[in-house]
Amino acid sequence: MSGQNSTIKSLFLDGPAGRLEALLNAGAESATHAALVCHPHPLFGGTLHNKVVFHTMKALNSFGFPVLRFNFRGTGLSQGEHDHGRGEMDDVRTTLDWLDREFHLPLLFAGFSFGAAVGLPVACADVRVQAVIGLGIPIAPIDERAYDFSFLQACAKPRLLVSGARDQFGPRAQLQPLVDSLPEPRKLVLIEGADHFFEGRLRELRETIENWVKGIV
């Protein structure tokens, strides 16, 4: 690992629904990749400051990668209104474009819960993204929200899926068959004792991401 750079830059990006509030953790001059991390559902308290998002950023930044986190439209200081996942996909495209223009490096994507549901389809379809990470995949939300993860069948990039073994929105009985049906390269890690938010298991989450990234970069 190249070691983390403590420099954090606050910025606003021009998004399709107005400005997007973002934080960039600087990378090393020798960085081989740049990374994007997307936060969970904004209507349920999700922001770029979410603990899972923060620890995912730290894991990726430990390799010297510059890592961008941002607030979806209508969240924090980001302009616009929540668009139930549709416009948020455009927000992801905007931030990937910015990372590409800024660093001209292969990209990595990570998304947690809602951030995975709206970000993974975009990242899988983007040739600039080399590998993707889905955390707390909400395969079984408990309200009217429903996310289709069939697109993962056609995603040939390396995919890491990490969930808590007690994740109420991603029960093993539904998650395991999905992952088993996917073509390689893919990996599922279920963290024992962890719930959807990896409460008390954030260190294991971070180590899981770091160990997987070591094998693909």
C-alpha atoms as a PDB file:
ATOM      1  CA  MET A   1       0.000   0.000   0.000  1.00  0.00           C
ATOM      2  CA  SER A   2       1.107   3.534  -0.729  1.00  0.00           C
ATOM      3  CA  GLY A   3      -0.294   4.955   2.499  1.00  0.00           C
ATOM      4  CA  GLN A   4      -3.081   7.444   2.970  1.00  0.00           C
ATOM      5  CA  ASN A   5      -2.872  11.106   2.132  1.00  0.00           C
ATOM      6  CA  SER A   6      -4.530  13.174   4.852  1.00  0.00           C
ATOM      7  CA  THR A   7      -5.487  15.982   2.474  1.00  0.00           C
ATOM      8  CA  ILE A   8      -9.262  16.339   2.091  1.00  0.00           C
ATOM      9  CA  LYS A   9     -10.691  18.801  -0.416  1.00  0.00           C
ATOM     10  CA  SER A  10     -14.260  20.060  -0.259  1.00  0.00           C
ATOM     11  CA  LEU A  11     -15.744  20.873  -3.659  1.00  0.00           C
ATOM     12  CA  PHE A  12     -18.900  21.271  -5.696  1.00  0.00           C
ATOM     13  CA  LEU A  13     -19.396  19.507  -9.021  1.00  0.00           C
ATOM     14  CA  ASP A  14     -21.756  20.644 -11.776  1.00  0.00           C
ATOM     15  CA  GLY A  15     -24.459  17.971 -11.761  1.00  0.00           C
ATOM     16  CA  PRO A  16     -27.519  17.447 -13.966  1.00  0.00           C
ATOM     17  CA  ALA A  17     -29.842  18.850 -11.256  1.00  0.00           C
ATOM     18  CA  GLY A  18     -27.465  21.524  -9.943  1.00  0.00           C
ATOM     19  CA  ARG A  19     -24.305  21.425  -7.916  1.00  0.00           C
ATOM     20  CA  LEU A  20     -23.257  18.260  -6.095  1.00  0.00           C
ATOM     21  CA  GLU A  21     -21.470  18.547  -2.760  1.00  0.00           C
ATOM     22  CA  ALA A  22     -18.370  16.349  -2.651  1.00  0.00           C
ATOM     23  CA  LEU A  23     -15.257  15.498  -0.673  1.00  0.00           C
ATOM     24  CA  LEU A  24     -12.050  14.307  -2.302  1.00  0.00           C
ATOM     25  CA  ASN A  25      -9.461  12.423  -0.276  1.00  0.00           C
ATOM     26  CA  ALA A  26      -6.225  13.058  -2.135  1.00  0.00           C
ATOM     27  CA  GLY A  27      -4.177  10.196  -3.515  1.00  0.00           C
ATOM     28  CA  ALA A  28      -0.482   9.588  -4.004  1.00  0.00           C
ATOM     29  CA  GLU A  29       1.383  10.999  -6.982  1.00  0.00           C
ATOM     30  CA  SER A  30       1.979   7.406  -8.042  1.00  0.00           C
ATOM     31  CA  ALA A  31      -1.723   6.478  -7.846  1.00  0.00           C
ATOM     32  CA  THR A  32      -2.728   3.696 -10.235  1.00  0.00           C
ATOM     33  CA  HIS A  33      -6.501   4.144  -9.860  1.00  0.00           C
ATOM     34  CA  ALA A  34      -9.099   6.657  -8.706  1.00  0.00           C
ATOM     35  CA  ALA A  35     -12.238   5.622  -6.825  1.00  0.00           C
ATOM     36  CA  LEU A  36     -15.834   6.682  -6.236  1.00  0.00           C
ATOM     37  CA  VAL A  37     -17.905   5.732  -3.169  1.00  0.00           C
ATOM     38  CA  CYS A  38     -21.706   6.234  -3.087  1.00  0.00           C
ATOM     39  CA  HIS A  39     -23.806   6.604   0.056  1.00  0.00           C
ATOM     40  CA  PRO A  40     -27.010   4.872   1.243  1.00  0.00           C
ATOM     41  CA  HIS A  41     -30.583   6.092   0.889  1.00  0.00           C
ATOM     42  CA  PRO A  42     -30.831   9.854   1.540  1.00  0.00           C
ATOM     43  CA  LEU A  43     -34.443   9.683   2.736  1.00  0.00           C
ATOM     44  CA  PHE A  44     -33.277   7.418   5.563  1.00  0.00           C
ATOM     45  CA  GLY A  45     -30.318   9.507   6.685  1.00  0.00           C
ATOM     46  CA  GLY A  46     -27.728   8.444   4.111  1.00  0.00           C
ATOM     47  CA  THR A  47     -24.992  10.989   3.304  1.00  0.00           C
ATOM     48  CA  LEU A  48     -21.347  11.020   2.235  1.00  0.00           C
ATOM     49  CA  HIS A  49     -20.465  11.013   5.951  1.00  0.00           C
ATOM     50  CA  ASN A  50     -22.021   7.557   6.526  1.00  0.00           C
ATOM     51  CA  LYS A  51     -19.689   5.269   8.513  1.00  0.00           C
ATOM     52  CA  VAL A  52     -19.646   2.498   5.897  1.00  0.00           C
ATOM     53  CA  VAL A  53     -18.868   5.046   3.170  1.00  0.00           C
ATOM     54  CA  PHE A  54     -16.102   6.546   5.317  1.00  0.00           C
ATOM     55  CA  HIS A  55     -14.449   3.203   6.053  1.00  0.00           C
ATOM     56  CA  THR A  56     -14.715   2.170   2.401  1.00  0.00           C
ATOM     57  CA  MET A  57     -13.005   5.420   1.435  1.00  0.00           C
ATOM     58  CA  LYS A  58     -10.238   4.737   3.974  1.00  0.00           C
ATOM     59  CA  ALA A  59      -9.697   1.243   2.591  1.00  0.00           C
ATOM     60  CA  LEU A  60      -9.354   2.506  -0.991  1.00  0.00           C
ATOM     61  CA  ASN A  61      -7.334   5.566  -0.022  1.00  0.00           C
ATOM     62  CA  SER A  62      -4.854   3.305   1.800  1.00  0.00           C
ATOM     63  CA  PHE A  63      -3.601   2.195  -1.627  1.00  0.00           C
ATOM     64  CA  GLY A  64      -2.837   5.800  -2.546  1.00  0.00           C
ATOM     65  CA  PHE A  65      -5.964   6.141  -4.696  1.00  0.00           C
ATOM     66  CA  PRO A  66      -7.752   9.504  -4.763  1.00  0.00           C
ATOM     67  CA  VAL A  67     -11.282   8.789  -3.506  1.00  0.00           C
ATOM     68  CA  LEU A  68     -14.362  10.896  -4.180  1.00  0.00           C
ATOM     69  CA  ARG A  69     -17.486  10.860  -2.026  1.00  0.00           C
ATOM     70  CA  PHE A  70     -20.490  13.025  -2.851  1.00  0.00           C
ATOM     71  CA  ASN A  71     -24.040  13.732  -1.734  1.00  0.00           C
ATOM     72  CA  PHE A  72     -26.776  12.687  -4.139  1.00  0.00           C
ATOM     73  CA  ARG A  73     -29.139  15.407  -5.393  1.00  0.00           C
ATOM     74  CA  GLY A  74     -31.227  16.933  -2.618  1.00  0.00           C
ATOM     75  CA  THR A  75     -28.876  15.657   0.105  1.00  0.00           C
ATOM     76  CA  GLY A  76     -26.733  17.917   2.292  1.00  0.00           C
ATOM     77  CA  LEU A  77     -25.651  20.889   0.198  1.00  0.00           C
ATOM     78  CA  SER A  78     -26.350  19.154  -3.120  1.00  0.00           C
ATOM     79  CA  GLN A  79     -29.028  20.866  -5.175  1.00  0.00           C
ATOM     80  CA  GLY A  80     -32.080  19.263  -6.736  1.00  0.00           C
ATOM     81  CA  GLU A  81     -34.615  16.824  -5.324  1.00  0.00           C
ATOM     82  CA  HIS A  82     -34.520  13.116  -4.585  1.00  0.00           C
ATOM     83  CA  ASP A  83     -35.519  11.241  -7.763  1.00  0.00           C
ATOM     84  CA  HIS A  84     -36.085   7.694  -6.446  1.00  0.00           C
ATOM     85  CA  GLY A  85     -32.930   6.364  -8.088  1.00  0.00           C
ATOM     86  CA  ARG A  86     -33.486   7.598 -11.636  1.00  0.00           C
ATOM     87  CA  GLY A  87     -31.736  10.959 -11.552  1.00  0.00           C
ATOM     88  CA  GLU A  88     -29.270   9.621  -9.006  1.00  0.00           C
ATOM     89  CA  MET A  89     -27.851   7.369 -11.726  1.00  0.00           C
ATOM     90  CA  ASP A  90     -27.049  10.538 -13.665  1.00  0.00           C
ATOM     91  CA  ASP A  91     -25.328  11.892 -10.551  1.00  0.00           C
ATOM     92  CA  VAL A  92     -23.099   8.806 -10.576  1.00  0.00           C
ATOM     93  CA  ARG A  93     -22.275   9.354 -14.261  1.00  0.00           C
ATOM     94  CA  THR A  94     -21.376  12.963 -13.512  1.00  0.00           C
ATOM     95  CA  THR A  95     -18.983  12.026 -10.726  1.00  0.00           C
ATOM     96  CA  LEU A  96     -17.316   9.274 -12.762  1.00  0.00           C
ATOM     97  CA  ASP A  97     -16.834  11.791 -15.587  1.00  0.00           C
ATOM     98  CA  TRP A  98     -15.249  14.236 -13.151  1.00  0.00           C
ATOM     99  CA  LEU A  99     -12.847  11.619 -11.783  1.00  0.00           C
ATOM    100  CA  ASP A 100     -11.852  10.638 -15.311  1.00  0.00           C
ATOM    101  CA  ARG A 101     -11.187  14.236 -16.362  1.00  0.00           C
ATOM    102  CA  GLU A 102      -9.326  15.035 -13.159  1.00  0.00           C
ATOM    103  CA  PHE A 103      -7.029  12.011 -12.926  1.00  0.00           C
ATOM    104  CA  HIS A 104      -7.070  10.093 -16.233  1.00  0.00           C
ATOM    105  CA  LEU A 105      -6.758   6.830 -14.295  1.00  0.00           C
ATOM    106  CA  PRO A 106      -8.686   3.542 -14.327  1.00  0.00           C
ATOM    107  CA  LEU A 107     -11.626   3.828 -11.948  1.00  0.00           C
ATOM    108  CA  LEU A 108     -12.959   1.720  -9.094  1.00  0.00           C
ATOM    109  CA  PHE A 109     -16.536   1.988  -7.872  1.00  0.00           C
ATOM    110  CA  ALA A 110     -18.019   1.195  -4.462  1.00  0.00           C
ATOM    111  CA  GLY A 111     -21.587   1.746  -3.330  1.00  0.00           C
ATOM    112  CA  PHE A 112     -23.422   1.014  -0.093  1.00  0.00           C
ATOM    113  CA  SER A 113     -27.097  -0.038  -0.092  1.00  0.00           C
ATOM    114  CA  PHE A 114     -28.998   2.550  -2.206  1.00  0.00           C
ATOM    115  CA  GLY A 115     -25.597   3.731  -3.454  1.00  0.00           C
ATOM    116  CA  ALA A 116     -24.941   0.214  -4.743  1.00  0.00           C
ATOM    117  CA  ALA A 117     -28.414  -0.149  -6.257  1.00  0.00           C
ATOM    118  CA  VAL A 118     -28.141   3.031  -8.338  1.00  0.00           C
ATOM    119  CA  GLY A 119     -24.369   3.083  -8.851  1.00  0.00           C
ATOM    120  CA  LEU A 120     -23.540  -0.486  -9.820  1.00  0.00           C
ATOM    121  CA  PRO A 121     -25.577  -0.458 -13.075  1.00  0.00           C
ATOM    122  CA  VAL A 122     -23.802   2.725 -14.155  1.00  0.00           C
ATOM    123  CA  ALA A 123     -20.361   1.498 -13.137  1.00  0.00           C
ATOM    124  CA  CYS A 124     -20.795  -1.907 -14.757  1.00  0.00           C
ATOM    125  CA  ALA A 125     -21.692  -0.254 -18.062  1.00  0.00           C
ATOM    126  CA  ASP A 126     -18.801   2.236 -17.942  1.00  0.00           C
ATOM    127  CA  VAL A 127     -15.646   0.968 -19.683  1.00  0.00           C
ATOM    128  CA  ARG A 128     -13.519   3.295 -17.541  1.00  0.00           C
ATOM    129  CA  VAL A 129     -14.490   1.418 -14.368  1.00  0.00           C
ATOM    130  CA  GLN A 130     -12.184  -1.549 -13.841  1.00  0.00           C
ATOM    131  CA  ALA A 131     -13.848  -3.202 -10.836  1.00  0.00           C
ATOM    132  CA  VAL A 132     -16.905  -2.718  -8.627  1.00  0.00           C
ATOM    133  CA  ILE A 133     -17.791  -3.215  -4.966  1.00  0.00           C
ATOM    134  CA  GLY A 134     -21.343  -3.586  -3.683  1.00  0.00           C
ATOM    135  CA  LEU A 135     -21.888  -3.280   0.079  1.00  0.00           C
ATOM    136  CA  GLY A 136     -25.135  -4.207   1.801  1.00  0.00           C
ATOM    137  CA  ILE A 137     -26.910  -5.045  -1.465  1.00  0.00           C
ATOM    138  CA  PRO A 138     -30.603  -4.252  -0.773  1.00  0.00           C
ATOM    139  CA  ILE A 139     -31.990  -7.298  -2.541  1.00  0.00           C
ATOM    140  CA  ALA A 140     -35.009  -7.485  -0.213  1.00  0.00           C
ATOM    141  CA  PRO A 141     -36.075  -3.979   0.917  1.00  0.00           C
ATOM    142  CA  ILE A 142     -38.961  -3.966   3.371  1.00  0.00           C
ATOM    143  CA  ASP A 143     -41.069  -1.244   1.747  1.00  0.00           C
ATOM    144  CA  GLU A 144     -42.204  -0.352  -1.784  1.00  0.00           C
ATOM    145  CA  ARG A 145     -38.651   0.079  -3.020  1.00  0.00           C
ATOM    146  CA  ALA A 146     -37.496  -2.686  -5.336  1.00  0.00           C
ATOM    147  CA  TYR A 147     -34.150  -2.937  -7.076  1.00  0.00           C
ATOM    148  CA  ASP A 148     -33.305  -5.140 -10.025  1.00  0.00           C
ATOM    149  CA  PHE A 149     -29.827  -6.659  -9.883  1.00  0.00           C
ATOM    150  CA  SER A 150     -30.161  -8.794 -13.038  1.00  0.00           C
ATOM    151  CA  PHE A 151     -27.696  -6.458 -14.771  1.00  0.00           C
ATOM    152  CA  LEU A 152     -24.932  -8.126 -12.762  1.00  0.00           C
ATOM    153  CA  GLN A 153     -25.293 -11.158 -15.036  1.00  0.00           C
ATOM    154  CA  ALA A 154     -23.769  -9.166 -17.900  1.00  0.00           C
ATOM    155  CA  CYS A 155     -21.107  -7.425 -15.804  1.00  0.00           C
ATOM    156  CA  ALA A 156     -17.741  -8.969 -16.645  1.00  0.00           C
ATOM    157  CA  LYS A 157     -15.709  -6.789 -14.300  1.00  0.00           C
ATOM    158  CA  PRO A 158     -14.324  -8.119 -11.020  1.00  0.00           C
ATOM    159  CA  ARG A 159     -17.149  -7.774  -8.478  1.00  0.00           C
ATOM    160  CA  LEU A 160     -16.923  -7.858  -4.700  1.00  0.00           C
ATOM    161  CA  LEU A 161     -20.198  -8.098  -2.778  1.00  0.00           C
ATOM    162  CA  VAL A 162     -20.026  -7.710   0.991  1.00  0.00           C
ATOM    163  CA  SER A 163     -22.986  -8.022   3.351  1.00  0.00           C
ATOM    164  CA  GLY A 164     -23.610  -8.671   6.988  1.00  0.00           C
ATOM    165  CA  ALA A 165     -24.704 -12.215   7.753  1.00  0.00           C
ATOM    166  CA  ARG A 166     -27.635 -10.627   9.645  1.00  0.00           C
ATOM    167  CA  ASP A 167     -28.472  -8.024   6.979  1.00  0.00           C
ATOM    168  CA  GLN A 168     -32.243  -7.600   7.121  1.00  0.00           C
ATOM    169  CA  PHE A 169     -32.317  -6.138   3.588  1.00  0.00           C
ATOM    170  CA  GLY A 170     -30.064  -8.776   2.048  1.00  0.00           C
ATOM    171  CA  PRO A 171     -30.827 -12.185   3.554  1.00  0.00           C
ATOM    172  CA  ARG A 172     -28.325 -14.908   2.732  1.00  0.00           C
ATOM    173  CA  ALA A 173     -31.098 -17.105   1.313  1.00  0.00           C
ATOM    174  CA  GLN A 174     -31.669 -14.561  -1.467  1.00  0.00           C
ATOM    175  CA  LEU A 175     -28.178 -13.138  -1.826  1.00  0.00           C
ATOM    176  CA  GLN A 176     -26.284 -16.425  -2.183  1.00  0.00           C
ATOM    177  CA  PRO A 177     -28.310 -17.706  -5.181  1.00  0.00           C
ATOM    178  CA  LEU A 178     -27.893 -14.360  -6.925  1.00  0.00           C
ATOM    179  CA  VAL A 179     -24.126 -14.440  -6.541  1.00  0.00           C
ATOM    180  CA  ASP A 180     -23.919 -18.136  -7.457  1.00  0.00           C
ATOM    181  CA  SER A 181     -25.656 -17.333 -10.742  1.00  0.00           C
ATOM    182  CA  LEU A 182     -23.115 -14.662 -11.718  1.00  0.00           C
ATOM    183  CA  PRO A 183     -20.188 -15.342 -14.029  1.00  0.00           C
ATOM    184  CA  GLU A 184     -16.655 -15.029 -12.704  1.00  0.00           C
ATOM    185  CA  PRO A 185     -14.852 -13.013 -11.505  1.00  0.00           C
ATOM    186  CA  ARG A 186     -17.064 -12.374  -8.486  1.00  0.00           C
ATOM    187  CA  LYS A 187     -16.761 -12.798  -4.742  1.00  0.00           C
ATOM    188  CA  LEU A 188     -19.308 -12.732  -1.934  1.00  0.00           C
ATOM    189  CA  VAL A 189     -18.198 -12.108   1.642  1.00  0.00           C
ATOM    190  CA  LEU A 190     -20.725 -12.412   4.473  1.00  0.00           C
ATOM    191  CA  ILE A 191     -19.419 -10.869   7.679  1.00  0.00           C
ATOM    192  CA  GLU A 192     -20.627 -12.890  10.632  1.00  0.00           C
ATOM    193  CA  GLY A 193     -22.513 -10.973  13.304  1.00  0.00           C
ATOM    194  CA  ALA A 194     -22.945  -7.910  11.088  1.00  0.00           C
ATOM    195  CA  ASP A 195     -26.248  -6.227  10.269  1.00  0.00           C
ATOM    196  CA  HIS A 196     -27.013  -4.040   7.250  1.00  0.00           C
ATOM    197  CA  PHE A 197     -24.897  -1.193   8.605  1.00  0.00           C
ATOM    198  CA  PHE A 198     -21.961  -3.400   9.699  1.00  0.00           C
ATOM    199  CA  GLU A 199     -22.364  -2.003  13.211  1.00  0.00           C
ATOM    200  CA  GLY A 200     -19.420  -3.168  15.311  1.00  0.00           C
ATOM    201  CA  ARG A 201     -17.882  -4.892  12.256  1.00  0.00           C
ATOM    202  CA  LEU A 202     -16.480  -1.934  10.316  1.00  0.00           C
ATOM    203  CA  ARG A 203     -12.895  -3.090  10.779  1.00  0.00           C
ATOM    204  CA  GLU A 204     -13.720  -6.443   9.185  1.00  0.00           C
ATOM    205  CA  LEU A 205     -15.466  -4.623   6.347  1.00  0.00           C
ATOM    206  CA  ARG A 206     -12.438  -2.459   5.721  1.00  0.00           C
ATOM    207  CA  GLU A 207     -10.038  -5.419   5.812  1.00  0.00           C
ATOM    208  CA  THR A 208     -12.271  -7.354   3.413  1.00  0.00           C
ATOM    209  CA  ILE A 209     -12.124  -4.525   0.884  1.00  0.00           C
ATOM    210  CA  GLU A 210      -8.378  -4.080   1.275  1.00  0.00           C
ATOM    211  CA  ASN A 211      -7.652  -7.791   0.831  1.00  0.00           C
ATOM    212  CA  TRP A 212      -9.771  -7.972  -2.314  1.00  0.00           C
ATOM    213  CA  VAL A 213      -8.307  -4.828  -3.869  1.00  0.00           C
ATOM    214  CA  LYS A 214      -4.787  -6.210  -3.339  1.00  0.00           C
ATOM    215  CA  GLY A 215      -5.678  -9.044  -5.680  1.00  0.00           C
ATOM    216  CA  ILE A 216      -7.021  -6.957  -8.550  1.00  0.00           C
ATOM    217  CA  VAL A 217      -4.716  -3.938  -8.849  1.00  0.00           C
END
